[in-house]
Amino acid sequence: MSQPDFNPFDPISAAMGAMHGQNLLAAKDARIKKLEEQCLILEHKITAIKIICESSHESLLNELKEYNESN
């Protein structure tokens, strides 16, 4: 984002500059919070996928073992 031109010697311009800086910080904080939330969701999904894969792997091994024992 480009910063608007503010005259530091103009009190209104200085106030607008300060507000603009605060808005940029608030936007940055909001983006960080959103990314943290998305990261947490991805971590939960990865954990669920790992559990599914481990369970499927164990089931497959049991099925193979039963098949080999019956033949």
C-alpha atoms as a PDB file:
ATOM      1  CA  MET A   1       0.000   0.000   0.000  1.00  0.00           C
ATOM      2  CA  SER A   2       1.268   3.437  -0.784  1.00  0.00           C
ATOM      3  CA  GLN A   3       1.127   6.019   1.935  1.00  0.00           C
ATOM      4  CA  PRO A   4      -0.650   9.265   1.065  1.00  0.00           C
ATOM      5  CA  ASP A   5       1.353  12.463   1.155  1.00  0.00           C
ATOM      6  CA  PHE A   6       0.986  14.129   4.543  1.00  0.00           C
ATOM      7  CA  ASN A   7       2.421  17.462   5.570  1.00  0.00           C
ATOM      8  CA  PRO A   8       3.939  16.881   9.032  1.00  0.00           C
ATOM      9  CA  PHE A   9       3.551  20.586   9.874  1.00  0.00           C
ATOM     10  CA  ASP A  10      -0.192  20.608   9.230  1.00  0.00           C
ATOM     11  CA  PRO A  11      -2.005  19.322  12.360  1.00  0.00           C
ATOM     12  CA  ILE A  12      -4.917  17.897  10.372  1.00  0.00           C
ATOM     13  CA  SER A  13      -2.551  16.205   7.976  1.00  0.00           C
ATOM     14  CA  ALA A  14      -0.531  14.837  10.894  1.00  0.00           C
ATOM     15  CA  ALA A  15      -3.700  13.457  12.489  1.00  0.00           C
ATOM     16  CA  MET A  16      -4.725  11.863   9.198  1.00  0.00           C
ATOM     17  CA  GLY A  17      -1.250  10.356   8.902  1.00  0.00           C
ATOM     18  CA  ALA A  18      -1.496   8.908  12.405  1.00  0.00           C
ATOM     19  CA  MET A  19      -4.948   7.469  11.647  1.00  0.00           C
ATOM     20  CA  HIS A  20      -3.635   5.975   8.407  1.00  0.00           C
ATOM     21  CA  GLY A  21      -0.779   4.332  10.300  1.00  0.00           C
ATOM     22  CA  GLN A  22      -3.207   2.913  12.858  1.00  0.00           C
ATOM     23  CA  ASN A  23      -5.417   1.594  10.058  1.00  0.00           C
ATOM     24  CA  LEU A  24      -2.445  -0.138   8.450  1.00  0.00           C
ATOM     25  CA  LEU A  25      -1.525  -1.754  11.777  1.00  0.00           C
ATOM     26  CA  ALA A  26      -5.117  -2.855  12.388  1.00  0.00           C
ATOM     27  CA  ALA A  27      -5.276  -4.368   8.889  1.00  0.00           C
ATOM     28  CA  LYS A  28      -1.976  -6.183   9.475  1.00  0.00           C
ATOM     29  CA  ASP A  29      -3.204  -7.537  12.810  1.00  0.00           C
ATOM     30  CA  ALA A  30      -6.447  -8.707  11.206  1.00  0.00           C
ATOM     31  CA  ARG A  31      -4.513 -10.521   8.453  1.00  0.00           C
ATOM     32  CA  ILE A  32      -2.261 -12.186  11.030  1.00  0.00           C
ATOM     33  CA  LYS A  33      -5.265 -13.307  13.088  1.00  0.00           C
ATOM     34  CA  LYS A  34      -6.962 -14.721   9.985  1.00  0.00           C
ATOM     35  CA  LEU A  35      -3.788 -16.614   8.986  1.00  0.00           C
ATOM     36  CA  GLU A  36      -3.446 -18.019  12.507  1.00  0.00           C
ATOM     37  CA  GLU A  37      -7.050 -19.239  12.379  1.00  0.00           C
ATOM     38  CA  GLN A  38      -6.475 -20.837   8.968  1.00  0.00           C
ATOM     39  CA  CYS A  39      -3.288 -22.473  10.254  1.00  0.00           C
ATOM     40  CA  LEU A  40      -5.168 -23.960  13.197  1.00  0.00           C
ATOM     41  CA  ILE A  41      -7.855 -25.330  10.879  1.00  0.00           C
ATOM     42  CA  LEU A  42      -5.176 -26.895   8.654  1.00  0.00           C
ATOM     43  CA  GLU A  43      -3.483 -28.453  11.680  1.00  0.00           C
ATOM     44  CA  HIS A  44      -6.784 -30.067  12.703  1.00  0.00           C
ATOM     45  CA  LYS A  45      -7.357 -31.353   9.171  1.00  0.00           C
ATOM     46  CA  ILE A  46      -3.831 -32.782   8.984  1.00  0.00           C
ATOM     47  CA  THR A  47      -4.344 -34.535  12.327  1.00  0.00           C
ATOM     48  CA  ALA A  48      -7.617 -36.020  11.089  1.00  0.00           C
ATOM     49  CA  ILE A  49      -5.981 -37.225   7.858  1.00  0.00           C
ATOM     50  CA  LYS A  50      -3.130 -38.817   9.836  1.00  0.00           C
ATOM     51  CA  ILE A  51      -5.611 -40.668  12.056  1.00  0.00           C
ATOM     52  CA  ILE A  52      -7.568 -41.878   9.020  1.00  0.00           C
ATOM     53  CA  CYS A  53      -4.390 -43.038   7.271  1.00  0.00           C
ATOM     54  CA  GLU A  54      -3.111 -44.877  10.347  1.00  0.00           C
ATOM     55  CA  SER A  55      -6.486 -46.532  10.881  1.00  0.00           C
ATOM     56  CA  SER A  56      -6.732 -47.511   7.228  1.00  0.00           C
ATOM     57  CA  HIS A  57      -3.195 -48.868   7.283  1.00  0.00           C
ATOM     58  CA  GLU A  58      -3.945 -51.012  10.334  1.00  0.00           C
ATOM     59  CA  SER A  59      -7.175 -52.282   8.791  1.00  0.00           C
ATOM     60  CA  LEU A  60      -5.412 -53.158   5.560  1.00  0.00           C
ATOM     61  CA  LEU A  61      -2.680 -55.035   7.413  1.00  0.00           C
ATOM     62  CA  ASN A  62      -5.294 -56.984   9.377  1.00  0.00           C
ATOM     63  CA  GLU A  63      -7.172 -57.849   6.196  1.00  0.00           C
ATOM     64  CA  LEU A  64      -3.955 -59.011   4.526  1.00  0.00           C
ATOM     65  CA  LYS A  65      -3.017 -61.069   7.565  1.00  0.00           C
ATOM     66  CA  GLU A  66      -6.451 -62.740   7.626  1.00  0.00           C
ATOM     67  CA  TYR A  67      -6.252 -63.380   3.887  1.00  0.00           C
ATOM     68  CA  ASN A  68      -2.808 -64.948   4.162  1.00  0.00           C
ATOM     69  CA  GLU A  69      -3.888 -67.107   7.093  1.00  0.00           C
ATOM     70  CA  SER A  70      -6.912 -68.410   5.188  1.00  0.00           C
ATOM     71  CA  ASN A  71      -4.853 -69.360   2.119  1.00  0.00           C
END
